[in-house]
C-alpha cells in the first residue's frame, strides 16, 4: 500500500491534463500510444489554463507497475480514480499474453530513482527509472527484465536518488582531508 498526495481536481481536469501531458511527451519523443479512458467531449469542454497545467504538473505523481515476467510501466496517478470503501477497483496493468498474469509490484516512483529487480533464480538488475516508459494505466508496458524460462520476478525495490553522483562525492571527499 502507498499513500499518494491529494490534488483537488475534477475528473475532467485530470483527464484533460493527462491528454495534454501525453501530447507533450509525444512531441518530445516519448511515445505514448495508449488512449486516455475519458469522454473526449468532456475533455474538449475542459480548457485548462497554463497556470492550472503547471499546478497539476508540479503535483503529478507516477505509479510503477511490474509483472512477474518482467514487464513494467509508469503511469500518471491522475489516471486512477479515487474510490471509497467497497469500491470495485480498476485495472492498473494490462495483464495476459507475454506480460503474464500477476503483478510483482506497484508503488509510486520519482523520475530520478533507480529500480532494482530480483528473480526467483537469483538474477538481479538495476536500471534507471527514466528508462521505463510512461504509458496509460491499462497498457502492458515494456520489457524491463528478460526472465529465463520458469523464472519470475519476486522482488522489486525503488532506490531513491541519493542527491548526487556517488563516485564524484568520494573523490571530492578524499582531496579535502
C-alpha atoms as a PDB file:
ATOM      1  CA  UNK A   1       0.000   0.000   0.000  1.00  0.00           C
ATOM      2  CA  UNK A   2       1.195   3.529  -0.756  1.00  0.00           C
ATOM      3  CA  UNK A   3      -0.287   6.895   0.043  1.00  0.00           C
ATOM      4  CA  UNK A   4      -0.404   9.420  -2.774  1.00  0.00           C
ATOM      5  CA  UNK A   5      -0.667  13.168  -2.387  1.00  0.00           C
ATOM      6  CA  UNK A   6      -4.152  14.597  -2.752  1.00  0.00           C
ATOM      7  CA  UNK A   7      -4.800  17.028  -5.588  1.00  0.00           C
ATOM      8  CA  UNK A   8      -8.029  18.978  -5.764  1.00  0.00           C
ATOM      9  CA  UNK A   9      -9.003  18.478  -9.386  1.00  0.00           C
ATOM     10  CA  UNK A  10     -12.154  17.285 -11.064  1.00  0.00           C
ATOM     11  CA  UNK A  11     -12.062  14.084 -13.120  1.00  0.00           C
ATOM     12  CA  UNK A  12     -12.444  16.215 -16.264  1.00  0.00           C
ATOM     13  CA  UNK A  13      -9.445  18.371 -15.284  1.00  0.00           C
ATOM     14  CA  UNK A  14      -7.326  15.296 -14.587  1.00  0.00           C
ATOM     15  CA  UNK A  15      -8.282  13.723 -17.914  1.00  0.00           C
ATOM     16  CA  UNK A  16      -7.575  16.970 -19.784  1.00  0.00           C
ATOM     17  CA  UNK A  17      -4.199  17.288 -18.060  1.00  0.00           C
ATOM     18  CA  UNK A  18      -3.241  13.671 -18.868  1.00  0.00           C
ATOM     19  CA  UNK A  19      -4.224  14.201 -22.501  1.00  0.00           C
ATOM     20  CA  UNK A  20      -2.131  17.391 -22.626  1.00  0.00           C
ATOM     21  CA  UNK A  21       0.858  15.751 -20.878  1.00  0.00           C
ATOM     22  CA  UNK A  22       0.743  12.749 -23.240  1.00  0.00           C
ATOM     23  CA  UNK A  23       0.732  15.096 -26.233  1.00  0.00           C
ATOM     24  CA  UNK A  24       3.740  16.940 -24.808  1.00  0.00           C
ATOM     25  CA  UNK A  25       5.599  13.644 -24.226  1.00  0.00           C
ATOM     26  CA  UNK A  26       4.831  12.548 -27.806  1.00  0.00           C
ATOM     27  CA  UNK A  27       6.186  15.858 -29.082  1.00  0.00           C
ATOM     28  CA  UNK A  28       9.341  15.342 -27.011  1.00  0.00           C
ATOM     29  CA  UNK A  29       9.799  11.828 -28.454  1.00  0.00           C
ATOM     30  CA  UNK A  30       8.492   9.697 -25.556  1.00  0.00           C
ATOM     31  CA  UNK A  31       5.729   7.919 -27.440  1.00  0.00           C
ATOM     32  CA  UNK A  32       2.565   7.133 -25.503  1.00  0.00           C
ATOM     33  CA  UNK A  33       0.158   5.401 -27.834  1.00  0.00           C
ATOM     34  CA  UNK A  34      -2.317   4.429 -25.128  1.00  0.00           C
ATOM     35  CA  UNK A  35      -5.611   6.327 -25.286  1.00  0.00           C
ATOM     36  CA  UNK A  36      -6.884   8.044 -22.161  1.00  0.00           C
ATOM     37  CA  UNK A  37     -10.049   6.493 -20.732  1.00  0.00           C
ATOM     38  CA  UNK A  38     -12.057   9.678 -20.776  1.00  0.00           C
ATOM     39  CA  UNK A  39     -15.039  11.067 -22.551  1.00  0.00           C
ATOM     40  CA  UNK A  40     -13.461  13.151 -25.344  1.00  0.00           C
ATOM     41  CA  UNK A  41     -16.377  15.608 -25.239  1.00  0.00           C
ATOM     42  CA  UNK A  42     -15.823  16.233 -21.523  1.00  0.00           C
ATOM     43  CA  UNK A  43     -12.103  16.733 -22.120  1.00  0.00           C
ATOM     44  CA  UNK A  44     -12.765  19.091 -25.028  1.00  0.00           C
ATOM     45  CA  UNK A  45     -15.092  21.179 -22.833  1.00  0.00           C
ATOM     46  CA  UNK A  46     -12.457  21.403 -20.082  1.00  0.00           C
ATOM     47  CA  UNK A  47      -9.953  24.057 -21.086  1.00  0.00           C
ATOM     48  CA  UNK A  48      -7.038  24.277 -18.686  1.00  0.00           C
ATOM     49  CA  UNK A  49      -5.108  27.496 -18.203  1.00  0.00           C
ATOM     50  CA  UNK A  50      -1.311  27.436 -18.350  1.00  0.00           C
ATOM     51  CA  UNK A  51      -1.223  28.104 -14.605  1.00  0.00           C
ATOM     52  CA  UNK A  52      -3.510  25.124 -13.911  1.00  0.00           C
ATOM     53  CA  UNK A  53      -1.430  22.884 -16.198  1.00  0.00           C
ATOM     54  CA  UNK A  54       1.710  23.949 -14.318  1.00  0.00           C
ATOM     55  CA  UNK A  55      -0.012  23.358 -10.960  1.00  0.00           C
ATOM     56  CA  UNK A  56      -1.197  19.869 -11.946  1.00  0.00           C
ATOM     57  CA  UNK A  57       2.209  19.073 -13.473  1.00  0.00           C
ATOM     58  CA  UNK A  58       4.026  20.035 -10.263  1.00  0.00           C
ATOM     59  CA  UNK A  59       1.738  17.777  -8.198  1.00  0.00           C
ATOM     60  CA  UNK A  60       1.739  14.843 -10.640  1.00  0.00           C
ATOM     61  CA  UNK A  61       2.947  11.506  -9.301  1.00  0.00           C
ATOM     62  CA  UNK A  62       3.739   8.347 -11.229  1.00  0.00           C
ATOM     63  CA  UNK A  63       2.945   4.765 -10.298  1.00  0.00           C
ATOM     64  CA  UNK A  64       5.249   1.960 -11.406  1.00  0.00           C
ATOM     65  CA  UNK A  65       3.769  -1.484 -12.015  1.00  0.00           C
ATOM     66  CA  UNK A  66       5.912  -4.555 -12.757  1.00  0.00           C
ATOM     67  CA  UNK A  67       4.667  -8.036 -13.669  1.00  0.00           C
ATOM     68  CA  UNK A  68       6.243 -11.359 -12.692  1.00  0.00           C
ATOM     69  CA  UNK A  69       7.515 -11.782 -16.272  1.00  0.00           C
ATOM     70  CA  UNK A  70       9.489  -8.520 -16.186  1.00  0.00           C
ATOM     71  CA  UNK A  71       7.098  -6.165 -17.985  1.00  0.00           C
ATOM     72  CA  UNK A  72       6.753  -2.746 -16.429  1.00  0.00           C
ATOM     73  CA  UNK A  73       5.489   0.773 -16.964  1.00  0.00           C
ATOM     74  CA  UNK A  74       4.938   4.092 -15.264  1.00  0.00           C
ATOM     75  CA  UNK A  75       1.529   5.741 -15.414  1.00  0.00           C
ATOM     76  CA  UNK A  76       0.192   9.000 -14.053  1.00  0.00           C
ATOM     77  CA  UNK A  77      -1.667   8.800 -10.754  1.00  0.00           C
ATOM     78  CA  UNK A  78      -4.236  11.135 -12.360  1.00  0.00           C
ATOM     79  CA  UNK A  79      -5.429   8.161 -14.440  1.00  0.00           C
ATOM     80  CA  UNK A  80      -6.626   6.355 -11.312  1.00  0.00           C
ATOM     81  CA  UNK A  81      -9.945   7.480  -9.866  1.00  0.00           C
ATOM     82  CA  UNK A  82     -10.456   7.734  -6.145  1.00  0.00           C
ATOM     83  CA  UNK A  83     -12.674   5.016  -4.725  1.00  0.00           C
ATOM     84  CA  UNK A  84     -14.327   4.747  -1.363  1.00  0.00           C
ATOM     85  CA  UNK A  85     -14.934   1.789   0.841  1.00  0.00           C
ATOM     86  CA  UNK A  86     -16.407  -1.109  -1.084  1.00  0.00           C
ATOM     87  CA  UNK A  87     -15.035   0.162  -4.413  1.00  0.00           C
ATOM     88  CA  UNK A  88     -14.653  -2.407  -7.168  1.00  0.00           C
ATOM     89  CA  UNK A  89     -11.103  -1.374  -8.080  1.00  0.00           C
ATOM     90  CA  UNK A  90      -9.759  -0.738 -11.549  1.00  0.00           C
ATOM     91  CA  UNK A  91      -7.186  -2.049 -13.987  1.00  0.00           C
ATOM     92  CA  UNK A  92      -3.650  -0.986 -13.112  1.00  0.00           C
ATOM     93  CA  UNK A  93      -1.779  -3.048 -15.715  1.00  0.00           C
ATOM     94  CA  UNK A  94      -2.852  -4.858 -18.866  1.00  0.00           C
ATOM     95  CA  UNK A  95      -2.197  -8.497 -17.999  1.00  0.00           C
ATOM     96  CA  UNK A  96      -2.270 -11.509 -20.267  1.00  0.00           C
ATOM     97  CA  UNK A  97      -0.107 -12.716 -23.112  1.00  0.00           C
ATOM     98  CA  UNK A  98       3.610 -12.039 -22.748  1.00  0.00           C
ATOM     99  CA  UNK A  99       3.012  -9.653 -19.815  1.00  0.00           C
ATOM    100  CA  UNK A 100       1.952 -12.560 -17.623  1.00  0.00           C
ATOM    101  CA  UNK A 101      -0.999 -12.861 -15.306  1.00  0.00           C
ATOM    102  CA  UNK A 102       0.279 -11.454 -11.986  1.00  0.00           C
ATOM    103  CA  UNK A 103       1.800  -8.229 -10.738  1.00  0.00           C
ATOM    104  CA  UNK A 104       5.049  -8.402  -8.768  1.00  0.00           C
ATOM    105  CA  UNK A 105       4.943  -4.796  -7.525  1.00  0.00           C
ATOM    106  CA  UNK A 106       3.149  -1.475  -7.750  1.00  0.00           C
ATOM    107  CA  UNK A 107       4.245   1.719  -5.991  1.00  0.00           C
ATOM    108  CA  UNK A 108       4.872   5.445  -6.567  1.00  0.00           C
ATOM    109  CA  UNK A 109       8.231   6.476  -8.042  1.00  0.00           C
ATOM    110  CA  UNK A 110      10.198   9.600  -8.947  1.00  0.00           C
ATOM    111  CA  UNK A 111      11.971  10.330 -12.240  1.00  0.00           C
ATOM    112  CA  UNK A 112      15.489  10.218 -10.709  1.00  0.00           C
ATOM    113  CA  UNK A 113      15.042   6.935  -8.821  1.00  0.00           C
ATOM    114  CA  UNK A 114      16.644   3.638  -9.764  1.00  0.00           C
ATOM    115  CA  UNK A 115      14.850   0.316  -9.883  1.00  0.00           C
ATOM    116  CA  UNK A 116      16.231  -2.969  -8.521  1.00  0.00           C
ATOM    117  CA  UNK A 117      14.611  -6.229  -9.666  1.00  0.00           C
ATOM    118  CA  UNK A 118      15.379  -9.750  -8.392  1.00  0.00           C
ATOM    119  CA  UNK A 119      14.153 -13.024  -9.890  1.00  0.00           C
ATOM    120  CA  UNK A 120      13.426 -16.405  -8.332  1.00  0.00           C
ATOM    121  CA  UNK A 121      16.648 -17.685  -9.944  1.00  0.00           C
ATOM    122  CA  UNK A 122      18.790 -15.072  -8.202  1.00  0.00           C
ATOM    123  CA  UNK A 123      19.302 -12.738 -11.148  1.00  0.00           C
ATOM    124  CA  UNK A 124      19.416  -9.067 -10.263  1.00  0.00           C
ATOM    125  CA  UNK A 125      19.266  -5.913 -12.373  1.00  0.00           C
ATOM    126  CA  UNK A 126      19.453  -2.219 -11.538  1.00  0.00           C
ATOM    127  CA  UNK A 127      18.020   0.221 -14.047  1.00  0.00           C
ATOM    128  CA  UNK A 128      17.303   3.961 -14.037  1.00  0.00           C
ATOM    129  CA  UNK A 129      13.633   4.863 -13.686  1.00  0.00           C
ATOM    130  CA  UNK A 130      13.794   7.319 -16.582  1.00  0.00           C
ATOM    131  CA  UNK A 131      14.280   4.329 -18.924  1.00  0.00           C
ATOM    132  CA  UNK A 132      10.833   2.935 -18.023  1.00  0.00           C
ATOM    133  CA  UNK A 133       8.186   4.377 -20.360  1.00  0.00           C
ATOM    134  CA  UNK A 134       5.228   6.417 -19.212  1.00  0.00           C
ATOM    135  CA  UNK A 135       2.086   4.886 -20.730  1.00  0.00           C
ATOM    136  CA  UNK A 136      -1.596   4.524 -19.907  1.00  0.00           C
ATOM    137  CA  UNK A 137      -2.640   2.534 -16.868  1.00  0.00           C
ATOM    138  CA  UNK A 138      -4.332  -0.276 -18.842  1.00  0.00           C
ATOM    139  CA  UNK A 139      -1.385  -0.966 -21.181  1.00  0.00           C
ATOM    140  CA  UNK A 140       1.039  -3.895 -20.871  1.00  0.00           C
ATOM    141  CA  UNK A 141       4.141  -1.746 -20.685  1.00  0.00           C
ATOM    142  CA  UNK A 142       7.599  -2.687 -21.905  1.00  0.00           C
ATOM    143  CA  UNK A 143      10.135  -5.363 -21.046  1.00  0.00           C
ATOM    144  CA  UNK A 144      12.309  -4.154 -18.165  1.00  0.00           C
ATOM    145  CA  UNK A 145      13.874  -7.521 -17.333  1.00  0.00           C
ATOM    146  CA  UNK A 146      14.031 -10.616 -19.552  1.00  0.00           C
ATOM    147  CA  UNK A 147      13.414 -13.556 -17.253  1.00  0.00           C
ATOM    148  CA  UNK A 148      14.595 -17.081 -18.073  1.00  0.00           C
ATOM    149  CA  UNK A 149      12.170 -19.937 -18.685  1.00  0.00           C
ATOM    150  CA  UNK A 150      10.428 -20.858 -15.417  1.00  0.00           C
ATOM    151  CA  UNK A 151      11.821 -17.801 -13.651  1.00  0.00           C
ATOM    152  CA  UNK A 152       9.766 -14.901 -12.323  1.00  0.00           C
ATOM    153  CA  UNK A 153      10.353 -11.508 -10.738  1.00  0.00           C
ATOM    154  CA  UNK A 154       9.954 -11.922  -6.977  1.00  0.00           C
ATOM    155  CA  UNK A 155      11.159  -8.574  -5.654  1.00  0.00           C
ATOM    156  CA  UNK A 156      11.132  -5.002  -6.941  1.00  0.00           C
ATOM    157  CA  UNK A 157      12.642  -2.155  -4.956  1.00  0.00           C
ATOM    158  CA  UNK A 158      12.790   1.585  -5.518  1.00  0.00           C
ATOM    159  CA  UNK A 159      16.210   3.070  -4.870  1.00  0.00           C
ATOM    160  CA  UNK A 160      15.673   6.780  -4.220  1.00  0.00           C
ATOM    161  CA  UNK A 161      18.019   9.326  -5.770  1.00  0.00           C
ATOM    162  CA  UNK A 162      20.810   9.975  -3.287  1.00  0.00           C
ATOM    163  CA  UNK A 163      21.163  13.588  -4.415  1.00  0.00           C
ATOM    164  CA  UNK A 164      24.336  13.261  -6.448  1.00  0.00           C
ATOM    165  CA  UNK A 165      26.873  11.070  -8.157  1.00  0.00           C
ATOM    166  CA  UNK A 166      28.344   8.658  -5.594  1.00  0.00           C
ATOM    167  CA  UNK A 167      31.724   8.441  -7.359  1.00  0.00           C
ATOM    168  CA  UNK A 168      32.125  12.222  -7.511  1.00  0.00           C
ATOM    169  CA  UNK A 169      31.365  12.563  -3.779  1.00  0.00           C
ATOM    170  CA  UNK A 170      34.056  10.003  -2.877  1.00  0.00           C
ATOM    171  CA  UNK A 171      36.704  11.741  -4.995  1.00  0.00           C
ATOM    172  CA  UNK A 172      35.860  15.188  -3.583  1.00  0.00           C
ATOM    173  CA  UNK A 173      35.980  13.900   0.000  1.00  0.00           C
ATOM    174  CA  UNK A 174      39.489  12.448  -0.452  1.00  0.00           C
ATOM    175  CA  UNK A 175      41.060  15.735  -1.568  1.00  0.00           C
ATOM    176  CA  UNK A 176      39.610  17.820   1.298  1.00  0.00           C
ATOM    177  CA  UNK A 177      41.208  15.854   4.156  1.00  0.00           C
END
